[in-house]
Amino acid sequence: MLLEYKGVCILFTTVVYVICFILLYPILGMLTPMFSVVPVLVVGWGYGLRGGLIAGLLNILLNTFLLNLTGNEPAGWDALVSREGGVIGSLFVVLVGVTIGKLSDVTQQLQQEIHSHQQTEEKLERSQERLELRVAERTEELSKQQELLYEAQSLARFGTIKEDLQTGERWWSDEVYHILGITPQNRYT
């Protein structure tokens, strides 16, 4: 559901981050920019790999801008290369954005494949239902025709004998037994 409101989520998390940065920097110092991972996570999840990468890179610029805006030391590009959270922290946030973005892309692909699989299963079920219905209709039709054949044979006083030429097996209709005056147990094959 959050993905339906990607833009709003990104704006909200970015505004919350900026406010938290301004409030937390006096307390946490250079560790404060690490909280910028939250908007990067949101962008990465919402927009995939490219979105996560771009958000991570924009994160570096935003943190530098916020450090300069608040007048906190170290300022400018020195903030990015300081030991206390500069390049390592910024690269970490970029890496998190890229990783979450890739996971989002894979998740979306899996969801599409699952949806496609479900559609295929539904089509297969509908086809099977139609086939079963057709088989049932045809079986009923053949049964009616067989009943008519037996009735016609009885009225005309003739029967049917079938023989399988490969196996030599024979099948006699009930009317043949009746005409010959024998029971099926005493039949001649």
N, C-alpha and C. Protein backbone atom coordinates (compact mmCIF):
# COMPACT_ATOMS: atom_id res chain seq x y z
N MET A 1 0.82 -1.19 0.00
CA MET A 1 0.00 0.00 0.00
C MET A 1 0.86 1.25 0.00
N LEU A 2 1.98 1.21 0.71
CA LEU A 2 2.86 2.38 0.73
C LEU A 2 3.38 2.72 -0.65
N LEU A 3 3.55 1.70 -1.49
CA LEU A 3 4.07 1.96 -2.82
C LEU A 3 3.10 2.77 -3.67
N GLU A 4 1.82 2.79 -3.31
CA GLU A 4 0.86 3.60 -4.03
C GLU A 4 1.10 5.08 -3.77
N TYR A 5 1.71 5.40 -2.67
CA TYR A 5 1.97 6.79 -2.29
C TYR A 5 3.47 7.04 -2.17
N LYS A 6 4.23 6.60 -3.16
CA LYS A 6 5.69 6.70 -3.11
C LYS A 6 6.15 8.13 -2.87
N GLY A 7 5.65 9.04 -3.67
CA GLY A 7 6.09 10.43 -3.57
C GLY A 7 5.84 11.02 -2.20
N VAL A 8 4.66 10.77 -1.65
CA VAL A 8 4.31 11.29 -0.33
C VAL A 8 5.22 10.68 0.73
N CYS A 9 5.46 9.39 0.65
CA CYS A 9 6.34 8.72 1.62
C CYS A 9 7.75 9.28 1.57
N ILE A 10 8.24 9.49 0.36
CA ILE A 10 9.61 10.02 0.21
C ILE A 10 9.69 11.42 0.77
N LEU A 11 8.73 12.27 0.43
CA LEU A 11 8.73 13.64 0.93
C LEU A 11 8.63 13.66 2.45
N PHE A 12 7.73 12.85 2.99
CA PHE A 12 7.55 12.79 4.44
C PHE A 12 8.83 12.35 5.14
N THR A 13 9.43 11.26 4.69
CA THR A 13 10.64 10.77 5.36
C THR A 13 11.79 11.76 5.21
N THR A 14 11.87 12.44 4.08
CA THR A 14 12.94 13.43 3.89
C THR A 14 12.74 14.62 4.83
N VAL A 15 11.51 15.10 4.95
CA VAL A 15 11.22 16.23 5.86
C VAL A 15 11.50 15.81 7.30
N VAL A 16 11.07 14.61 7.67
CA VAL A 16 11.34 14.13 9.03
C VAL A 16 12.85 14.04 9.26
N TYR A 17 13.59 13.57 8.26
CA TYR A 17 15.04 13.47 8.41
C TYR A 17 15.66 14.86 8.61
N VAL A 18 15.24 15.82 7.80
CA VAL A 18 15.81 17.18 7.92
C VAL A 18 15.53 17.74 9.31
N ILE A 19 14.29 17.56 9.78
CA ILE A 19 13.95 18.05 11.12
C ILE A 19 14.78 17.33 12.18
N CYS A 20 14.88 16.00 12.08
CA CYS A 20 15.68 15.24 13.04
C CYS A 20 17.15 15.65 12.98
N PHE A 21 17.64 15.92 11.77
CA PHE A 21 19.04 16.35 11.62
C PHE A 21 19.28 17.63 12.42
N ILE A 22 18.39 18.58 12.21
CA ILE A 22 18.56 19.87 12.89
C ILE A 22 18.46 19.71 14.41
N LEU A 23 17.55 18.83 14.87
CA LEU A 23 17.37 18.63 16.31
C LEU A 23 18.45 17.73 16.92
N LEU A 24 18.89 16.73 16.19
CA LEU A 24 19.82 15.74 16.76
C LEU A 24 21.29 16.08 16.59
N TYR A 25 21.63 16.95 15.64
CA TYR A 25 23.04 17.21 15.40
C TYR A 25 23.76 17.76 16.64
N PRO A 26 23.12 18.66 17.39
CA PRO A 26 23.83 19.14 18.59
C PRO A 26 24.11 18.01 19.60
N ILE A 27 23.30 16.95 19.57
CA ILE A 27 23.48 15.85 20.53
C ILE A 27 24.42 14.78 19.97
N LEU A 28 24.20 14.34 18.72
CA LEU A 28 24.94 13.21 18.16
C LEU A 28 26.14 13.62 17.31
N GLY A 29 26.18 14.83 16.90
CA GLY A 29 27.31 15.29 16.08
C GLY A 29 27.33 14.62 14.72
N MET A 30 28.51 14.17 14.31
CA MET A 30 28.69 13.61 12.96
C MET A 30 27.99 12.27 12.74
N LEU A 31 27.46 11.67 13.78
CA LEU A 31 26.70 10.44 13.59
C LEU A 31 25.28 10.70 13.09
N THR A 32 24.84 11.93 13.20
CA THR A 32 23.48 12.28 12.78
C THR A 32 23.21 11.96 11.31
N PRO A 33 24.13 12.22 10.37
CA PRO A 33 23.84 11.91 8.96
C PRO A 33 23.52 10.43 8.70
N MET A 34 23.90 9.56 9.60
CA MET A 34 23.60 8.13 9.40
C MET A 34 22.09 7.87 9.42
N PHE A 35 21.32 8.77 10.04
CA PHE A 35 19.86 8.60 10.04
C PHE A 35 19.26 8.84 8.66
N SER A 36 20.07 9.39 7.76
CA SER A 36 19.56 9.65 6.41
C SER A 36 19.33 8.36 5.65
N VAL A 37 19.67 7.23 6.24
CA VAL A 37 19.43 5.95 5.60
C VAL A 37 17.93 5.68 5.45
N VAL A 38 17.11 6.28 6.32
CA VAL A 38 15.66 6.03 6.27
C VAL A 38 15.05 6.52 4.96
N PRO A 39 15.25 7.80 4.55
CA PRO A 39 14.68 8.20 3.26
C PRO A 39 15.27 7.41 2.10
N VAL A 40 16.55 7.04 2.21
CA VAL A 40 17.18 6.27 1.14
C VAL A 40 16.53 4.89 1.05
N LEU A 41 16.21 4.28 2.18
CA LEU A 41 15.50 2.99 2.19
C LEU A 41 14.14 3.12 1.52
N VAL A 42 13.42 4.18 1.86
CA VAL A 42 12.08 4.37 1.29
C VAL A 42 12.17 4.54 -0.23
N VAL A 43 13.11 5.37 -0.69
CA VAL A 43 13.26 5.59 -2.12
C VAL A 43 13.70 4.30 -2.82
N GLY A 44 14.67 3.61 -2.22
CA GLY A 44 15.15 2.36 -2.82
C GLY A 44 14.04 1.33 -2.95
N TRP A 45 13.22 1.20 -1.91
CA TRP A 45 12.13 0.22 -1.95
C TRP A 45 11.06 0.64 -2.96
N GLY A 46 10.79 1.91 -3.01
CA GLY A 46 9.74 2.39 -3.91
C GLY A 46 10.14 2.44 -5.37
N TYR A 47 11.41 2.77 -5.64
CA TYR A 47 11.84 3.00 -7.02
C TYR A 47 12.91 2.04 -7.53
N GLY A 48 13.30 1.08 -6.74
CA GLY A 48 14.22 0.06 -7.21
C GLY A 48 15.68 0.47 -7.15
N LEU A 49 16.50 -0.26 -7.89
CA LEU A 49 17.95 -0.11 -7.85
C LEU A 49 18.40 1.30 -8.22
N ARG A 50 17.93 1.80 -9.34
CA ARG A 50 18.34 3.15 -9.77
C ARG A 50 17.92 4.21 -8.76
N GLY A 51 16.69 4.08 -8.27
CA GLY A 51 16.19 5.03 -7.27
C GLY A 51 17.03 5.00 -6.01
N GLY A 52 17.40 3.80 -5.56
CA GLY A 52 18.23 3.67 -4.36
C GLY A 52 19.61 4.28 -4.55
N LEU A 53 20.18 4.07 -5.73
CA LEU A 53 21.50 4.64 -6.03
C LEU A 53 21.43 6.16 -6.07
N ILE A 54 20.45 6.68 -6.76
CA ILE A 54 20.31 8.14 -6.85
C ILE A 54 20.03 8.74 -5.48
N ALA A 55 19.16 8.10 -4.71
CA ALA A 55 18.85 8.60 -3.36
C ALA A 55 20.10 8.59 -2.48
N GLY A 56 20.90 7.53 -2.61
CA GLY A 56 22.13 7.46 -1.82
C GLY A 56 23.09 8.58 -2.18
N LEU A 57 23.23 8.85 -3.47
CA LEU A 57 24.12 9.93 -3.91
C LEU A 57 23.56 11.30 -3.51
N LEU A 58 22.25 11.49 -3.65
CA LEU A 58 21.65 12.75 -3.23
C LEU A 58 21.75 12.92 -1.71
N ASN A 59 21.78 11.81 -1.00
CA ASN A 59 21.95 11.84 0.45
C ASN A 59 23.26 12.54 0.82
N ILE A 60 24.33 12.25 0.07
CA ILE A 60 25.63 12.89 0.34
C ILE A 60 25.49 14.40 0.19
N LEU A 61 24.83 14.83 -0.89
CA LEU A 61 24.66 16.26 -1.11
C LEU A 61 23.77 16.89 -0.04
N LEU A 62 22.69 16.20 0.34
CA LEU A 62 21.79 16.73 1.36
C LEU A 62 22.50 16.88 2.70
N ASN A 63 23.26 15.86 3.08
CA ASN A 63 23.98 15.95 4.34
C ASN A 63 25.01 17.07 4.32
N THR A 64 25.71 17.22 3.21
CA THR A 64 26.69 18.31 3.10
C THR A 64 25.97 19.65 3.20
N PHE A 65 24.84 19.77 2.51
CA PHE A 65 24.07 21.01 2.55
C PHE A 65 23.59 21.30 3.97
N LEU A 66 23.07 20.27 4.64
CA LEU A 66 22.57 20.48 6.01
C LEU A 66 23.70 20.84 6.97
N LEU A 67 24.84 20.23 6.80
CA LEU A 67 25.98 20.58 7.67
C LEU A 67 26.40 22.03 7.43
N ASN A 68 26.42 22.45 6.18
CA ASN A 68 26.77 23.84 5.88
C ASN A 68 25.68 24.79 6.38
N LEU A 69 24.41 24.41 6.21
CA LEU A 69 23.29 25.25 6.60
C LEU A 69 23.26 25.47 8.11
N THR A 70 23.54 24.45 8.86
CA THR A 70 23.50 24.58 10.32
C THR A 70 24.78 25.17 10.87
N GLY A 71 25.79 25.32 10.00
CA GLY A 71 27.05 25.93 10.44
C GLY A 71 27.87 25.03 11.33
N ASN A 72 27.60 23.76 11.31
CA ASN A 72 28.32 22.82 12.15
C ASN A 72 29.62 22.41 11.48
N GLU A 73 30.63 22.17 12.29
CA GLU A 73 31.93 21.73 11.79
C GLU A 73 31.97 20.21 11.81
N PRO A 74 32.66 19.52 10.97
CA PRO A 74 33.35 20.09 9.82
C PRO A 74 32.32 20.43 8.73
N ALA A 75 32.56 21.43 7.96
CA ALA A 75 31.62 21.90 6.95
C ALA A 75 32.12 21.56 5.56
N GLY A 76 31.24 21.69 4.60
CA GLY A 76 31.61 21.48 3.20
C GLY A 76 32.00 20.04 2.93
N TRP A 77 32.93 19.88 2.00
CA TRP A 77 33.33 18.54 1.58
C TRP A 77 34.16 17.83 2.65
N ASP A 78 34.68 18.61 3.62
CA ASP A 78 35.42 17.97 4.71
C ASP A 78 34.53 17.00 5.49
N ALA A 79 33.23 17.28 5.52
CA ALA A 79 32.29 16.41 6.24
C ALA A 79 32.22 15.04 5.60
N LEU A 80 32.45 14.98 4.31
CA LEU A 80 32.35 13.70 3.62
C LEU A 80 33.57 12.82 3.82
N VAL A 81 34.69 13.41 4.14
CA VAL A 81 35.91 12.61 4.27
C VAL A 81 36.39 12.50 5.72
N SER A 82 35.59 12.97 6.66
CA SER A 82 36.00 12.86 8.05
C SER A 82 35.89 11.40 8.49
N ARG A 83 36.63 11.04 9.51
CA ARG A 83 36.62 9.67 10.01
C ARG A 83 35.33 9.33 10.73
N GLU A 84 34.62 10.30 11.24
CA GLU A 84 33.49 10.04 12.12
C GLU A 84 32.18 9.77 11.38
N GLY A 85 32.21 9.51 10.16
CA GLY A 85 30.95 9.20 9.49
C GLY A 85 30.91 9.76 8.09
N GLY A 86 32.01 10.29 7.61
CA GLY A 86 32.06 10.90 6.30
C GLY A 86 31.91 9.91 5.18
N VAL A 87 32.98 9.61 4.45
CA VAL A 87 32.91 8.76 3.26
C VAL A 87 32.38 7.37 3.61
N ILE A 88 32.84 6.80 4.69
CA ILE A 88 32.40 5.46 5.05
C ILE A 88 30.90 5.46 5.31
N GLY A 89 30.41 6.43 6.09
CA GLY A 89 28.98 6.52 6.36
C GLY A 89 28.19 6.79 5.10
N SER A 90 28.68 7.69 4.25
CA SER A 90 27.96 8.03 3.02
C SER A 90 27.94 6.84 2.07
N LEU A 91 29.06 6.15 1.96
CA LEU A 91 29.09 4.97 1.09
C LEU A 91 28.19 3.87 1.63
N PHE A 92 28.13 3.77 2.95
CA PHE A 92 27.24 2.79 3.55
C PHE A 92 25.79 3.08 3.17
N VAL A 93 25.40 4.35 3.27
CA VAL A 93 24.02 4.74 2.94
C VAL A 93 23.74 4.47 1.46
N VAL A 94 24.70 4.77 0.58
CA VAL A 94 24.54 4.50 -0.85
C VAL A 94 24.40 2.99 -1.06
N LEU A 95 25.24 2.21 -0.40
CA LEU A 95 25.17 0.75 -0.52
C LEU A 95 23.83 0.21 -0.02
N VAL A 96 23.34 0.75 1.07
CA VAL A 96 22.03 0.33 1.59
C VAL A 96 20.94 0.66 0.57
N GLY A 97 21.00 1.86 0.00
CA GLY A 97 20.01 2.26 -1.00
C GLY A 97 20.02 1.34 -2.20
N VAL A 98 21.23 0.99 -2.67
CA VAL A 98 21.36 0.10 -3.83
C VAL A 98 20.85 -1.29 -3.48
N THR A 99 21.20 -1.78 -2.30
CA THR A 99 20.78 -3.12 -1.89
C THR A 99 19.26 -3.21 -1.75
N ILE A 100 18.68 -2.25 -1.07
CA ILE A 100 17.22 -2.25 -0.91
C ILE A 100 16.55 -2.10 -2.27
N GLY A 101 17.12 -1.26 -3.13
CA GLY A 101 16.57 -1.09 -4.47
C GLY A 101 16.58 -2.39 -5.25
N LYS A 102 17.70 -3.13 -5.17
CA LYS A 102 17.79 -4.41 -5.87
C LYS A 102 16.79 -5.41 -5.30
N LEU A 103 16.67 -5.45 -3.98
CA LEU A 103 15.68 -6.33 -3.35
C LEU A 103 14.27 -5.97 -3.80
N SER A 104 14.00 -4.68 -3.91
CA SER A 104 12.69 -4.24 -4.39
C SER A 104 12.45 -4.71 -5.82
N ASP A 105 13.47 -4.57 -6.67
CA ASP A 105 13.33 -5.02 -8.06
C ASP A 105 13.06 -6.52 -8.13
N VAL A 106 13.81 -7.30 -7.35
CA VAL A 106 13.64 -8.75 -7.34
C VAL A 106 12.25 -9.11 -6.81
N THR A 107 11.81 -8.41 -5.77
CA THR A 107 10.49 -8.66 -5.20
C THR A 107 9.40 -8.38 -6.23
N GLN A 108 9.53 -7.29 -6.94
CA GLN A 108 8.53 -6.95 -7.96
C GLN A 108 8.53 -7.99 -9.08
N GLN A 109 9.71 -8.47 -9.49
CA GLN A 109 9.78 -9.51 -10.51
C GLN A 109 9.09 -10.78 -10.03
N LEU A 110 9.37 -11.16 -8.79
CA LEU A 110 8.74 -12.35 -8.23
C LEU A 110 7.22 -12.20 -8.16
N GLN A 111 6.76 -11.01 -7.77
CA GLN A 111 5.33 -10.77 -7.71
C GLN A 111 4.71 -10.89 -9.10
N GLN A 112 5.40 -10.36 -10.11
CA GLN A 112 4.88 -10.46 -11.48
C GLN A 112 4.84 -11.92 -11.93
N GLU A 113 5.89 -12.67 -11.62
CA GLU A 113 5.92 -14.08 -12.00
C GLU A 113 4.84 -14.87 -11.28
N ILE A 114 4.63 -14.59 -10.01
CA ILE A 114 3.58 -15.26 -9.25
C ILE A 114 2.22 -14.92 -9.84
N HIS A 115 2.01 -13.65 -10.15
CA HIS A 115 0.74 -13.23 -10.75
C HIS A 115 0.52 -13.93 -12.09
N SER A 116 1.57 -13.99 -12.89
CA SER A 116 1.48 -14.67 -14.19
C SER A 116 1.17 -16.15 -14.00
N HIS A 117 1.83 -16.77 -13.03
CA HIS A 117 1.60 -18.19 -12.74
C HIS A 117 0.15 -18.42 -12.29
N GLN A 118 -0.35 -17.52 -11.44
CA GLN A 118 -1.73 -17.65 -10.96
C GLN A 118 -2.72 -17.51 -12.12
N GLN A 119 -2.45 -16.57 -13.03
CA GLN A 119 -3.33 -16.40 -14.19
C GLN A 119 -3.31 -17.66 -15.05
N THR A 120 -2.12 -18.23 -15.23
CA THR A 120 -2.01 -19.45 -16.03
C THR A 120 -2.77 -20.59 -15.37
N GLU A 121 -2.65 -20.72 -14.06
CA GLU A 121 -3.39 -21.76 -13.34
C GLU A 121 -4.90 -21.56 -13.48
N GLU A 122 -5.36 -20.31 -13.39
CA GLU A 122 -6.79 -20.04 -13.53
C GLU A 122 -7.27 -20.41 -14.93
N LYS A 123 -6.48 -20.08 -15.95
CA LYS A 123 -6.84 -20.43 -17.33
C LYS A 123 -6.89 -21.94 -17.49
N LEU A 124 -5.91 -22.63 -16.91
CA LEU A 124 -5.86 -24.08 -16.97
C LEU A 124 -7.09 -24.69 -16.28
N GLU A 125 -7.45 -24.16 -15.13
CA GLU A 125 -8.62 -24.67 -14.41
C GLU A 125 -9.89 -24.46 -15.24
N ARG A 126 -10.03 -23.27 -15.85
CA ARG A 126 -11.21 -23.02 -16.68
C ARG A 126 -11.23 -23.97 -17.88
N SER A 127 -10.08 -24.20 -18.49
CA SER A 127 -10.01 -25.12 -19.63
C SER A 127 -10.37 -26.53 -19.19
N GLN A 128 -9.87 -26.95 -18.04
CA GLN A 128 -10.18 -28.28 -17.53
C GLN A 128 -11.67 -28.42 -17.23
N GLU A 129 -12.26 -27.37 -16.64
CA GLU A 129 -13.70 -27.42 -16.36
C GLU A 129 -14.50 -27.54 -17.65
N ARG A 130 -14.11 -26.76 -18.68
CA ARG A 130 -14.81 -26.84 -19.97
C ARG A 130 -14.65 -28.22 -20.58
N LEU A 131 -13.45 -28.78 -20.49
CA LEU A 131 -13.20 -30.11 -21.04
C LEU A 131 -14.01 -31.17 -20.30
N GLU A 132 -14.03 -31.10 -18.98
CA GLU A 132 -14.80 -32.07 -18.19
C GLU A 132 -16.29 -31.96 -18.51
N LEU A 133 -16.78 -30.73 -18.68
CA LEU A 133 -18.18 -30.54 -19.03
C LEU A 133 -18.47 -31.13 -20.41
N ARG A 134 -17.57 -30.91 -21.34
CA ARG A 134 -17.76 -31.45 -22.69
C ARG A 134 -17.71 -32.98 -22.69
N VAL A 135 -16.78 -33.55 -21.91
CA VAL A 135 -16.70 -35.01 -21.81
C VAL A 135 -17.99 -35.56 -21.21
N ALA A 136 -18.51 -34.91 -20.16
CA ALA A 136 -19.75 -35.37 -19.53
C ALA A 136 -20.91 -35.29 -20.51
N GLU A 137 -20.99 -34.18 -21.27
CA GLU A 137 -22.05 -34.05 -22.26
C GLU A 137 -21.94 -35.13 -23.34
N ARG A 138 -20.73 -35.35 -23.82
CA ARG A 138 -20.51 -36.35 -24.88
C ARG A 138 -20.80 -37.76 -24.36
N THR A 139 -20.40 -38.04 -23.12
CA THR A 139 -20.66 -39.36 -22.53
C THR A 139 -22.17 -39.58 -22.42
N GLU A 140 -22.91 -38.56 -21.99
CA GLU A 140 -24.36 -38.68 -21.89
C GLU A 140 -24.96 -38.90 -23.27
N GLU A 141 -24.46 -38.17 -24.25
CA GLU A 141 -24.97 -38.32 -25.61
C GLU A 141 -24.70 -39.73 -26.14
N LEU A 142 -23.50 -40.25 -25.92
CA LEU A 142 -23.17 -41.61 -26.37
C LEU A 142 -24.01 -42.65 -25.65
N SER A 143 -24.26 -42.42 -24.38
CA SER A 143 -25.09 -43.36 -23.62
C SER A 143 -26.51 -43.41 -24.19
N LYS A 144 -27.06 -42.24 -24.53
CA LYS A 144 -28.39 -42.19 -25.14
C LYS A 144 -28.40 -42.91 -26.49
N GLN A 145 -27.35 -42.68 -27.27
CA GLN A 145 -27.27 -43.34 -28.59
C GLN A 145 -27.15 -44.86 -28.43
N GLN A 146 -26.39 -45.30 -27.41
CA GLN A 146 -26.25 -46.73 -27.17
C GLN A 146 -27.59 -47.33 -26.76
N GLU A 147 -28.34 -46.64 -25.93
CA GLU A 147 -29.67 -47.12 -25.55
C GLU A 147 -30.58 -47.22 -26.77
N LEU A 148 -30.52 -46.21 -27.64
CA LEU A 148 -31.33 -46.25 -28.86
C LEU A 148 -30.91 -47.42 -29.75
N LEU A 149 -29.62 -47.69 -29.84
CA LEU A 149 -29.12 -48.80 -30.65
C LEU A 149 -29.64 -50.13 -30.10
N TYR A 150 -29.54 -50.30 -28.77
CA TYR A 150 -30.02 -51.55 -28.17
C TYR A 150 -31.53 -51.72 -28.39
N GLU A 151 -32.26 -50.63 -28.27
CA GLU A 151 -33.71 -50.70 -28.48
C GLU A 151 -34.02 -51.04 -29.95
N ALA A 152 -33.27 -50.41 -30.87
CA ALA A 152 -33.48 -50.69 -32.29
C ALA A 152 -33.13 -52.15 -32.61
N GLN A 153 -32.04 -52.66 -32.01
CA GLN A 153 -31.66 -54.06 -32.24
C GLN A 153 -32.74 -55.00 -31.71
N SER A 154 -33.30 -54.65 -30.58
CA SER A 154 -34.34 -55.50 -29.99
C SER A 154 -35.59 -55.51 -30.87
N LEU A 155 -35.99 -54.34 -31.37
CA LEU A 155 -37.17 -54.26 -32.23
C LEU A 155 -36.94 -54.96 -33.57
N ALA A 156 -35.75 -54.82 -34.12
CA ALA A 156 -35.46 -55.40 -35.44
C ALA A 156 -35.03 -56.86 -35.32
N ARG A 157 -34.78 -57.31 -34.13
CA ARG A 157 -34.34 -58.68 -33.86
C ARG A 157 -33.04 -59.01 -34.59
N PHE A 158 -32.07 -58.08 -34.41
CA PHE A 158 -30.72 -58.40 -34.87
C PHE A 158 -29.74 -57.89 -33.82
N GLY A 159 -28.57 -58.43 -33.83
CA GLY A 159 -27.58 -58.10 -32.82
C GLY A 159 -26.27 -57.63 -33.44
N THR A 160 -25.34 -57.34 -32.57
CA THR A 160 -24.04 -56.84 -33.01
C THR A 160 -22.96 -57.73 -32.43
N ILE A 161 -22.01 -58.08 -33.29
CA ILE A 161 -20.84 -58.82 -32.84
C ILE A 161 -19.61 -58.01 -33.25
N LYS A 162 -18.75 -57.72 -32.27
CA LYS A 162 -17.51 -57.00 -32.55
C LYS A 162 -16.36 -57.95 -32.30
N GLU A 163 -15.31 -57.80 -33.11
CA GLU A 163 -14.13 -58.64 -32.92
C GLU A 163 -12.89 -57.77 -33.02
N ASP A 164 -11.98 -57.93 -32.04
CA ASP A 164 -10.69 -57.25 -32.08
C ASP A 164 -9.75 -58.15 -32.87
N LEU A 165 -9.32 -57.69 -34.04
CA LEU A 165 -8.52 -58.52 -34.93
C LEU A 165 -7.13 -58.81 -34.36
N GLN A 166 -6.64 -57.97 -33.52
CA GLN A 166 -5.31 -58.20 -32.95
C GLN A 166 -5.34 -59.25 -31.84
N THR A 167 -6.36 -59.18 -31.00
CA THR A 167 -6.42 -60.11 -29.88
C THR A 167 -7.35 -61.27 -30.13
N GLY A 168 -8.22 -61.15 -31.13
CA GLY A 168 -9.19 -62.21 -31.40
C GLY A 168 -10.37 -62.20 -30.44
N GLU A 169 -10.44 -61.24 -29.59
CA GLU A 169 -11.51 -61.15 -28.61
C GLU A 169 -12.78 -60.65 -29.29
N ARG A 170 -13.93 -61.24 -28.86
CA ARG A 170 -15.21 -60.86 -29.44
C ARG A 170 -16.13 -60.33 -28.37
N TRP A 171 -17.04 -59.46 -28.83
CA TRP A 171 -18.06 -58.91 -27.94
C TRP A 171 -19.40 -59.04 -28.64
N TRP A 172 -20.39 -59.59 -27.93
CA TRP A 172 -21.73 -59.78 -28.50
C TRP A 172 -22.69 -58.87 -27.75
N SER A 173 -23.61 -58.29 -28.50
CA SER A 173 -24.64 -57.49 -27.85
C SER A 173 -25.65 -58.43 -27.18
N ASP A 174 -26.43 -57.89 -26.27
CA ASP A 174 -27.42 -58.69 -25.55
C ASP A 174 -28.42 -59.35 -26.50
N GLU A 175 -28.74 -58.69 -27.59
CA GLU A 175 -29.73 -59.22 -28.54
C GLU A 175 -29.21 -60.49 -29.22
N VAL A 176 -27.89 -60.59 -29.46
CA VAL A 176 -27.33 -61.80 -30.07
C VAL A 176 -27.57 -62.98 -29.15
N TYR A 177 -27.32 -62.80 -27.86
CA TYR A 177 -27.58 -63.87 -26.89
C TYR A 177 -29.06 -64.26 -26.91
N HIS A 178 -29.90 -63.23 -26.97
CA HIS A 178 -31.34 -63.47 -26.97
C HIS A 178 -31.77 -64.24 -28.23
N ILE A 179 -31.24 -63.85 -29.38
CA ILE A 179 -31.58 -64.51 -30.64
C ILE A 179 -31.14 -65.97 -30.63
N LEU A 180 -29.93 -66.22 -30.09
CA LEU A 180 -29.39 -67.58 -30.04
C LEU A 180 -29.97 -68.38 -28.88
N GLY A 181 -30.64 -67.71 -27.97
CA GLY A 181 -31.26 -68.40 -26.85
C GLY A 181 -30.26 -68.89 -25.83
N ILE A 182 -29.17 -68.18 -25.66
CA ILE A 182 -28.17 -68.56 -24.66
C ILE A 182 -27.97 -67.40 -23.69
N THR A 183 -27.37 -67.73 -22.56
CA THR A 183 -27.05 -66.68 -21.57
C THR A 183 -25.59 -66.25 -21.81
N PRO A 184 -25.25 -65.05 -21.38
CA PRO A 184 -23.87 -64.57 -21.58
C PRO A 184 -22.82 -65.49 -20.98
N GLN A 185 -23.15 -66.26 -19.94
CA GLN A 185 -22.16 -67.17 -19.34
C GLN A 185 -21.86 -68.35 -20.27
N ASN A 186 -22.80 -68.72 -21.15
CA ASN A 186 -22.63 -69.87 -22.03
C ASN A 186 -22.28 -69.45 -23.46
N ARG A 187 -21.78 -68.26 -23.63
CA ARG A 187 -21.58 -67.75 -24.99
C ARG A 187 -20.45 -68.51 -25.68
N TYR A 188 -20.52 -68.47 -27.00
CA TYR A 188 -19.49 -69.12 -27.84
C TYR A 188 -18.60 -68.02 -28.39
N THR A 189 -17.31 -68.15 -28.25
CA THR A 189 -16.41 -67.16 -28.84
C THR A 189 -15.47 -67.82 -29.81
